[in-house]
Each structure stands twice: as structure tokens, then as C-alpha cells.
Amino acid sequence: MSFSNAVRTSASAALRKPINPSRPVQQCLSQCHARVALTRLTPAAMSVRWQTTVQSEQPAEKKRYSDVTKKVVYGMARLLGYYSTGSTAIRASHDLYRTCAEHAEKNKDFFIEACNLPDNFQSWFSVTQLHVWMLMVRLREEKNGKLYIQELVNRLFDDAEHKMRSHGITQQRMINSYIKDLLAQFHGGVVAYDEGMCKDDPVLAAALWR
């Protein structure tokens, strides 16, 4: 019950936090994320250990360009739609999803040992979905929140497909079937968590237990 209270408090606090429209979405959410059923997978796929998707990044070497070069590049970027709402949402979704993946990985010991979840693909998806949902609650208050949410969910399923392929599942028909099951599980989980947020702790605890 204490864990469900923590989830409720994190999501509610994120939902109430005022947004500074002068700052980019990903910068606003960088402060939020710190506060903030079973599929038909084959036994071999379900037994795959929970593996991290977080990759270390090395700072790129800074290069200096002339003002003329910058103006030409920026002009072409605007012409090609690089700064459009859709393109911005796609780029931001990678950072937002990376945040969810990092939180799920940092707390892996808690979910596997304290919560006694099996160390497999299903546990990874369920825990990552929980973090994605908490961020979805925050994004609903954004002007283009629906677009950002859709791109965030796309990143989750891109990662799920990548994990399947990296563990030997290469037939597209089989992957599509698994993704379809995961999508149904995802929608069911979102509805259950939202219901728990709107009602009381026992309802949210029941959704987390499932």
C-alpha cells in the first residue's frame, strides 16, 4: 500500500506542477521525472533476463562554425520542417523515454528483490510502462501533450521490438503478434492506473498488484 501511495503522490505532484511556457518541454519534465497482463510470448522469450537499454554517452567535441554556415543550416532545417511540432516531439520523446528507462533500471533491485518480480521481459515491460504512465500524467497538461504522449509510447514499443530481435526473435509476423499483445496490455494498464488515480488507494494498489 505504501508503494501505491508513493506512485499516487508522484503522479499527482507532477500533474499539479505549474509549467513555464518559456522553457522547452524536455527541460520542464527533467524536474518532474525525479518526483514522479501477461503476454503470449514464448517461454524462451519470457525467460530472457531484464537487460538495461541505457547507454553511456560521451560528450561530443565542440566545433565552431561561421555565422554564414549557421544561418544556412538553420534556414534549411526550418525549410525541411526540423523545428515543426511533430519533429520536436519525436526528438524530445527520445530523451523522455530514456528518463523512464533509467529510472526503471536504477530501481531494478527493488522490483526484482523487494517486490519479488521475475527477472524477465514481462517484468521489464510492466515496470517501464509504469514509469511511462507517470510521465504521461504530466504530459497531459502540455499544449501538445497528446502528440508527445504518442511519441513517448512509440519509443517504448520500439525498445520492446529491439529487445525481441536482440534475443533471436526475427520473424516479423511473430513480432507483430507479440507487439499486439503488449499494446493491449499497455492500454489496460493505463486505464487501471488512471482509475486508481481518480478513486482511492485500494484501487490503485490492485492495479499495481495485477
C-alpha atoms as a PDB file:
ATOM      1  CA  MET A   1       0.000   0.000   0.000  1.00  0.00           C
ATOM      2  CA  SER A   2       2.868   2.405   0.714  1.00  0.00           C
ATOM      3  CA  PHE A   3       4.198   1.913  -2.817  1.00  0.00           C
ATOM      4  CA  SER A   4       0.807   2.765  -4.334  1.00  0.00           C
ATOM      5  CA  ASN A   5       0.723   5.905  -2.165  1.00  0.00           C
ATOM      6  CA  ALA A   6       4.153   6.856  -3.481  1.00  0.00           C
ATOM      7  CA  VAL A   7       3.011   6.369  -7.077  1.00  0.00           C
ATOM      8  CA  ARG A   8      -0.141   8.407  -6.462  1.00  0.00           C
ATOM      9  CA  THR A   9       1.838  11.203  -4.778  1.00  0.00           C
ATOM     10  CA  SER A  10       4.456  11.329  -7.563  1.00  0.00           C
ATOM     11  CA  ALA A  11       1.915  11.460 -10.368  1.00  0.00           C
ATOM     12  CA  SER A  12      -0.346  13.939  -8.569  1.00  0.00           C
ATOM     13  CA  ALA A  13       2.533  16.266  -7.742  1.00  0.00           C
ATOM     14  CA  ALA A  14       3.698  16.144 -11.331  1.00  0.00           C
ATOM     15  CA  LEU A  15       0.199  16.919 -12.556  1.00  0.00           C
ATOM     16  CA  ARG A  16      -0.128  19.966 -10.290  1.00  0.00           C
ATOM     17  CA  LYS A  17       3.296  21.419 -11.008  1.00  0.00           C
ATOM     18  CA  PRO A  18       2.957  24.734 -12.909  1.00  0.00           C
ATOM     19  CA  ILE A  19       4.544  24.881 -16.324  1.00  0.00           C
ATOM     20  CA  ASN A  20       6.753  27.682 -17.500  1.00  0.00           C
ATOM     21  CA  PRO A  21       5.812  28.079 -21.190  1.00  0.00           C
ATOM     22  CA  SER A  22       9.104  29.808 -21.926  1.00  0.00           C
ATOM     23  CA  ARG A  23      11.059  26.619 -21.306  1.00  0.00           C
ATOM     24  CA  PRO A  24      11.214  23.576 -23.603  1.00  0.00           C
ATOM     25  CA  VAL A  25       9.088  20.598 -22.644  1.00  0.00           C
ATOM     26  CA  GLN A  26      12.015  18.309 -22.007  1.00  0.00           C
ATOM     27  CA  GLN A  27      13.572  20.848 -19.593  1.00  0.00           C
ATOM     28  CA  CYS A  28      10.316  21.228 -17.688  1.00  0.00           C
ATOM     29  CA  LEU A  29       9.981  17.468 -17.383  1.00  0.00           C
ATOM     30  CA  SER A  30      13.557  16.957 -16.186  1.00  0.00           C
ATOM     31  CA  GLN A  31      12.404  18.127 -12.751  1.00  0.00           C
ATOM     32  CA  CYS A  32       9.154  16.158 -12.903  1.00  0.00           C
ATOM     33  CA  HIS A  33      10.601  12.739 -13.570  1.00  0.00           C
ATOM     34  CA  ALA A  34      12.634  12.822 -10.313  1.00  0.00           C
ATOM     35  CA  ARG A  35       9.332  13.163  -8.365  1.00  0.00           C
ATOM     36  CA  VAL A  36       7.444  11.389 -10.160  1.00  0.00           C
ATOM     37  CA  ALA A  37      -1.463  -8.776 -18.287  1.00  0.00           C
ATOM     38  CA  LEU A  38       0.936 -11.245 -19.230  1.00  0.00           C
ATOM     39  CA  THR A  39       1.649 -11.539 -22.985  1.00  0.00           C
ATOM     40  CA  ARG A  40       1.705 -14.567 -25.204  1.00  0.00           C
ATOM     41  CA  LEU A  41       5.480 -14.553 -25.518  1.00  0.00           C
ATOM     42  CA  THR A  42       7.164 -17.904 -25.903  1.00  0.00           C
ATOM     43  CA  PRO A  43       8.794 -19.394 -22.783  1.00  0.00           C
ATOM     44  CA  ALA A  44      12.218 -18.687 -24.252  1.00  0.00           C
ATOM     45  CA  ALA A  45      11.396 -15.019 -24.771  1.00  0.00           C
ATOM     46  CA  MET A  46       9.707 -14.654 -21.378  1.00  0.00           C
ATOM     47  CA  SER A  47      12.748 -16.119 -19.605  1.00  0.00           C
ATOM     48  CA  VAL A  48      15.133 -13.546 -21.059  1.00  0.00           C
ATOM     49  CA  ARG A  49      16.725 -11.583 -18.256  1.00  0.00           C
ATOM     50  CA  TRP A  50      15.885  -7.949 -17.751  1.00  0.00           C
ATOM     51  CA  GLN A  51      18.634  -6.031 -19.545  1.00  0.00           C
ATOM     52  CA  THR A  52      19.388  -2.364 -19.492  1.00  0.00           C
ATOM     53  CA  THR A  53      18.801  -0.144 -22.517  1.00  0.00           C
ATOM     54  CA  VAL A  54      20.653   2.812 -21.021  1.00  0.00           C
ATOM     55  CA  GLN A  55      23.841   3.560 -22.901  1.00  0.00           C
ATOM     56  CA  SER A  56      26.625   5.780 -21.678  1.00  0.00           C
ATOM     57  CA  GLU A  57      27.036   8.908 -23.704  1.00  0.00           C
ATOM     58  CA  GLN A  58      30.294  10.714 -24.227  1.00  0.00           C
ATOM     59  CA  PRO A  59      30.228  14.456 -24.760  1.00  0.00           C
ATOM     60  CA  ALA A  60      30.915  15.348 -28.367  1.00  0.00           C
ATOM     61  CA  GLU A  61      33.792  17.630 -29.173  1.00  0.00           C
ATOM     62  CA  LYS A  62      32.622  21.180 -29.761  1.00  0.00           C
ATOM     63  CA  LYS A  63      33.200  22.630 -33.204  1.00  0.00           C
ATOM     64  CA  ARG A  64      32.996  26.253 -34.258  1.00  0.00           C
ATOM     65  CA  TYR A  65      31.203  27.287 -37.438  1.00  0.00           C
ATOM     66  CA  SER A  66      30.911  30.634 -39.144  1.00  0.00           C
ATOM     67  CA  ASP A  67      27.754  32.728 -38.833  1.00  0.00           C
ATOM     68  CA  VAL A  68      27.028  32.247 -42.534  1.00  0.00           C
ATOM     69  CA  THR A  69      27.208  28.471 -42.183  1.00  0.00           C
ATOM     70  CA  LYS A  70      24.897  28.560 -39.175  1.00  0.00           C
ATOM     71  CA  LYS A  71      22.330  30.704 -40.984  1.00  0.00           C
ATOM     72  CA  VAL A  72      22.331  28.387 -43.994  1.00  0.00           C
ATOM     73  CA  VAL A  73      21.953  25.262 -41.859  1.00  0.00           C
ATOM     74  CA  TYR A  74      19.206  26.769 -39.680  1.00  0.00           C
ATOM     75  CA  GLY A  75      17.377  28.010 -42.748  1.00  0.00           C
ATOM     76  CA  MET A  76      17.458  24.591 -44.382  1.00  0.00           C
ATOM     77  CA  ALA A  77      16.332  22.982 -41.132  1.00  0.00           C
ATOM     78  CA  ARG A  78      13.290  25.247 -40.925  1.00  0.00           C
ATOM     79  CA  LEU A  79      12.542  24.636 -44.602  1.00  0.00           C
ATOM     80  CA  LEU A  80      12.653  20.865 -44.105  1.00  0.00           C
ATOM     81  CA  GLY A  81      10.430  21.021 -41.007  1.00  0.00           C
ATOM     82  CA  TYR A  82      13.086  20.242 -38.422  1.00  0.00           C
ATOM     83  CA  TYR A  83      11.524  22.681 -35.964  1.00  0.00           C
ATOM     84  CA  SER A  84       7.927  21.632 -36.590  1.00  0.00           C
ATOM     85  CA  THR A  85       5.809  20.423 -33.677  1.00  0.00           C
ATOM     86  CA  GLY A  86       5.926  16.824 -34.867  1.00  0.00           C
ATOM     87  CA  SER A  87       9.694  16.772 -35.347  1.00  0.00           C
ATOM     88  CA  THR A  88      10.253  18.432 -31.984  1.00  0.00           C
ATOM     89  CA  ALA A  89       8.017  15.857 -30.271  1.00  0.00           C
ATOM     90  CA  ILE A  90       9.920  12.979 -31.869  1.00  0.00           C
ATOM     91  CA  ARG A  91      13.282  14.332 -30.736  1.00  0.00           C
ATOM     92  CA  ALA A  92      12.032  15.117 -27.235  1.00  0.00           C
ATOM     93  CA  SER A  93      10.431  11.676 -26.875  1.00  0.00           C
ATOM     94  CA  HIS A  94      13.846  10.002 -27.049  1.00  0.00           C
ATOM     95  CA  ASP A  95      15.059  11.983 -24.023  1.00  0.00           C
ATOM     96  CA  LEU A  96      11.787  11.468 -22.179  1.00  0.00           C
ATOM     97  CA  TYR A  97      11.812   7.708 -22.741  1.00  0.00           C
ATOM     98  CA  ARG A  98      15.472   7.490 -21.773  1.00  0.00           C
ATOM     99  CA  THR A  99      14.482   9.029 -18.443  1.00  0.00           C
ATOM    100  CA  CYS A 100      11.878   6.304 -17.892  1.00  0.00           C
ATOM    101  CA  ALA A 101      14.347   3.581 -18.856  1.00  0.00           C
ATOM    102  CA  GLU A 102      16.963   4.972 -16.477  1.00  0.00           C
ATOM    103  CA  HIS A 103      14.549   5.061 -13.530  1.00  0.00           C
ATOM    104  CA  ALA A 104      13.394   1.505 -14.209  1.00  0.00           C
ATOM    105  CA  GLU A 105      16.992   0.310 -14.379  1.00  0.00           C
ATOM    106  CA  LYS A 106      18.186   2.179 -11.278  1.00  0.00           C
ATOM    107  CA  ASN A 107      15.351   0.632  -9.221  1.00  0.00           C
ATOM    108  CA  LYS A 108      15.695  -2.835 -10.734  1.00  0.00           C
ATOM    109  CA  ASP A 109      16.892  -4.408  -7.478  1.00  0.00           C
ATOM    110  CA  PHE A 110      13.819  -3.094  -5.681  1.00  0.00           C
ATOM    111  CA  PHE A 111      11.399  -4.575  -8.213  1.00  0.00           C
ATOM    112  CA  ILE A 112      13.228  -7.893  -8.556  1.00  0.00           C
ATOM    113  CA  GLU A 113      14.237  -8.467  -4.943  1.00  0.00           C
ATOM    114  CA  ALA A 114      11.855  -6.476  -2.743  1.00  0.00           C
ATOM    115  CA  CYS A 115       8.781  -6.932  -4.963  1.00  0.00           C
ATOM    116  CA  ASN A 116       9.813 -10.483  -5.915  1.00  0.00           C
ATOM    117  CA  LEU A 117       9.182  -9.980  -9.639  1.00  0.00           C
ATOM    118  CA  PRO A 118      10.763 -12.490 -12.039  1.00  0.00           C
ATOM    119  CA  ASP A 119      13.819 -11.171 -13.848  1.00  0.00           C
ATOM    120  CA  ASN A 120      12.388 -11.413 -17.378  1.00  0.00           C
ATOM    121  CA  PHE A 121      10.955  -9.473 -20.299  1.00  0.00           C
ATOM    122  CA  GLN A 122       7.477  -9.208 -18.809  1.00  0.00           C
ATOM    123  CA  SER A 123       8.757  -7.582 -15.612  1.00  0.00           C
ATOM    124  CA  TRP A 124      10.817  -5.112 -17.630  1.00  0.00           C
ATOM    125  CA  PHE A 125       7.801  -4.116 -19.723  1.00  0.00           C
ATOM    126  CA  SER A 126       5.468  -3.756 -16.730  1.00  0.00           C
ATOM    127  CA  VAL A 127       7.907  -1.621 -14.726  1.00  0.00           C
ATOM    128  CA  THR A 128       8.849   0.558 -17.696  1.00  0.00           C
ATOM    129  CA  GLN A 129       5.181   1.020 -18.557  1.00  0.00           C
ATOM    130  CA  LEU A 130       4.551   2.246 -15.006  1.00  0.00           C
ATOM    131  CA  HIS A 131       7.208   4.934 -15.390  1.00  0.00           C
ATOM    132  CA  VAL A 132       5.879   5.858 -18.833  1.00  0.00           C
ATOM    133  CA  TRP A 133       2.378   6.216 -17.397  1.00  0.00           C
ATOM    134  CA  MET A 134       3.565   8.595 -14.646  1.00  0.00           C
ATOM    135  CA  LEU A 135       5.186  10.770 -17.290  1.00  0.00           C
ATOM    136  CA  MET A 136       2.028  10.576 -19.413  1.00  0.00           C
ATOM    137  CA  VAL A 137       0.094  12.075 -16.478  1.00  0.00           C
ATOM    138  CA  ARG A 138       2.481  15.024 -16.544  1.00  0.00           C
ATOM    139  CA  LEU A 139       2.358  15.428 -20.332  1.00  0.00           C
ATOM    140  CA  ARG A 140      -1.437  15.675 -20.387  1.00  0.00           C
ATOM    141  CA  GLU A 141      -1.115  19.254 -19.138  1.00  0.00           C
ATOM    142  CA  GLU A 142       1.076  20.303 -22.068  1.00  0.00           C
ATOM    143  CA  LYS A 143      -0.318  22.200 -25.045  1.00  0.00           C
ATOM    144  CA  ASN A 144       0.696  19.414 -27.442  1.00  0.00           C
ATOM    145  CA  GLY A 145       0.568  16.733 -24.778  1.00  0.00           C
ATOM    146  CA  LYS A 146      -1.226  14.137 -26.906  1.00  0.00           C
ATOM    147  CA  LEU A 147       1.465  14.316 -29.563  1.00  0.00           C
ATOM    148  CA  TYR A 148       4.264  13.981 -27.014  1.00  0.00           C
ATOM    149  CA  ILE A 149       2.484  11.072 -25.328  1.00  0.00           C
ATOM    150  CA  GLN A 150       2.079   9.249 -28.638  1.00  0.00           C
ATOM    151  CA  GLU A 151       5.760   9.635 -29.479  1.00  0.00           C
ATOM    152  CA  LEU A 152       6.737   8.526 -25.965  1.00  0.00           C
ATOM    153  CA  VAL A 153       4.650   5.366 -26.334  1.00  0.00           C
ATOM    154  CA  ASN A 154       6.223   4.771 -29.753  1.00  0.00           C
ATOM    155  CA  ARG A 155       9.656   4.798 -28.142  1.00  0.00           C
ATOM    156  CA  LEU A 156       8.523   2.197 -25.594  1.00  0.00           C
ATOM    157  CA  PHE A 157       7.378  -0.199 -28.289  1.00  0.00           C
ATOM    158  CA  ASP A 158      10.452   0.488 -30.419  1.00  0.00           C
ATOM    159  CA  ASP A 159      12.539  -0.592 -27.445  1.00  0.00           C
ATOM    160  CA  ALA A 160      10.353  -3.664 -26.883  1.00  0.00           C
ATOM    161  CA  GLU A 161      10.779  -4.724 -30.515  1.00  0.00           C
ATOM    162  CA  HIS A 162      14.533  -4.142 -30.296  1.00  0.00           C
ATOM    163  CA  LYS A 163      14.725  -6.424 -27.262  1.00  0.00           C
ATOM    164  CA  MET A 164      12.819  -9.150 -29.088  1.00  0.00           C
ATOM    165  CA  ARG A 165      15.130  -9.000 -32.085  1.00  0.00           C
ATOM    166  CA  SER A 166      18.257  -8.932 -29.921  1.00  0.00           C
ATOM    167  CA  HIS A 167      17.199 -12.226 -28.334  1.00  0.00           C
ATOM    168  CA  GLY A 168      16.619 -14.156 -31.530  1.00  0.00           C
ATOM    169  CA  ILE A 169      13.012 -13.378 -32.490  1.00  0.00           C
ATOM    170  CA  THR A 170      13.391 -12.246 -36.102  1.00  0.00           C
ATOM    171  CA  GLN A 171      10.145 -13.237 -37.818  1.00  0.00           C
ATOM    172  CA  GLN A 172       8.150 -10.054 -38.371  1.00  0.00           C
ATOM    173  CA  ARG A 173       4.832 -11.887 -38.162  1.00  0.00           C
ATOM    174  CA  MET A 174       5.704 -13.228 -34.707  1.00  0.00           C
ATOM    175  CA  ILE A 175       6.985  -9.828 -33.553  1.00  0.00           C
ATOM    176  CA  ASN A 176       3.782  -8.140 -34.730  1.00  0.00           C
ATOM    177  CA  SER A 177       1.748 -10.665 -32.753  1.00  0.00           C
ATOM    178  CA  TYR A 178       3.737 -10.002 -29.588  1.00  0.00           C
ATOM    179  CA  ILE A 179       3.527  -6.226 -30.067  1.00  0.00           C
ATOM    180  CA  LYS A 180      -0.238  -6.517 -30.477  1.00  0.00           C
ATOM    181  CA  ASP A 181      -0.473  -8.341 -27.140  1.00  0.00           C
ATOM    182  CA  LEU A 182       1.777  -5.800 -25.439  1.00  0.00           C
ATOM    183  CA  LEU A 183      -0.323  -2.950 -26.821  1.00  0.00           C
ATOM    184  CA  ALA A 184      -3.484  -4.477 -25.355  1.00  0.00           C
ATOM    185  CA  GLN A 185      -1.691  -4.902 -22.028  1.00  0.00           C
ATOM    186  CA  PHE A 186      -0.469  -1.311 -22.177  1.00  0.00           C
ATOM    187  CA  HIS A 187      -3.945   0.150 -22.751  1.00  0.00           C
ATOM    188  CA  GLY A 188      -5.382  -1.999 -19.972  1.00  0.00           C
ATOM    189  CA  GLY A 189      -2.670  -0.865 -17.572  1.00  0.00           C
ATOM    190  CA  VAL A 190      -3.173   2.822 -18.375  1.00  0.00           C
ATOM    191  CA  VAL A 191      -6.924   2.548 -17.791  1.00  0.00           C
ATOM    192  CA  ALA A 192      -6.364   0.714 -14.484  1.00  0.00           C
ATOM    193  CA  TYR A 193      -3.787   3.245 -13.231  1.00  0.00           C
ATOM    194  CA  ASP A 194      -5.981   6.184 -14.234  1.00  0.00           C
ATOM    195  CA  GLU A 195      -8.894   4.636 -12.381  1.00  0.00           C
ATOM    196  CA  GLY A 196      -6.726   4.238  -9.304  1.00  0.00           C
ATOM    197  CA  MET A 197      -5.673   7.888  -9.531  1.00  0.00           C
ATOM    198  CA  CYS A 198      -9.293   9.033  -9.756  1.00  0.00           C
ATOM    199  CA  LYS A 199     -10.610   6.788  -6.984  1.00  0.00           C
ATOM    200  CA  ASP A 200      -8.617   5.649  -3.965  1.00  0.00           C
ATOM    201  CA  ASP A 201      -5.509   3.788  -2.826  1.00  0.00           C
ATOM    202  CA  PRO A 202      -7.024   0.266  -2.775  1.00  0.00           C
ATOM    203  CA  VAL A 203      -7.998   0.578  -6.452  1.00  0.00           C
ATOM    204  CA  LEU A 204      -4.520   1.801  -7.424  1.00  0.00           C
ATOM    205  CA  ALA A 205      -2.898  -0.889  -5.269  1.00  0.00           C
ATOM    206  CA  ALA A 206      -4.976  -3.547  -7.009  1.00  0.00           C
ATOM    207  CA  ALA A 207      -3.857  -2.271 -10.417  1.00  0.00           C
ATOM    208  CA  LEU A 208      -0.207  -2.333  -9.321  1.00  0.00           C
ATOM    209  CA  TRP A 209      -0.625  -5.813  -7.898  1.00  0.00           C
ATOM    210  CA  ARG A 210      -2.007  -7.117 -11.201  1.00  0.00           C
END
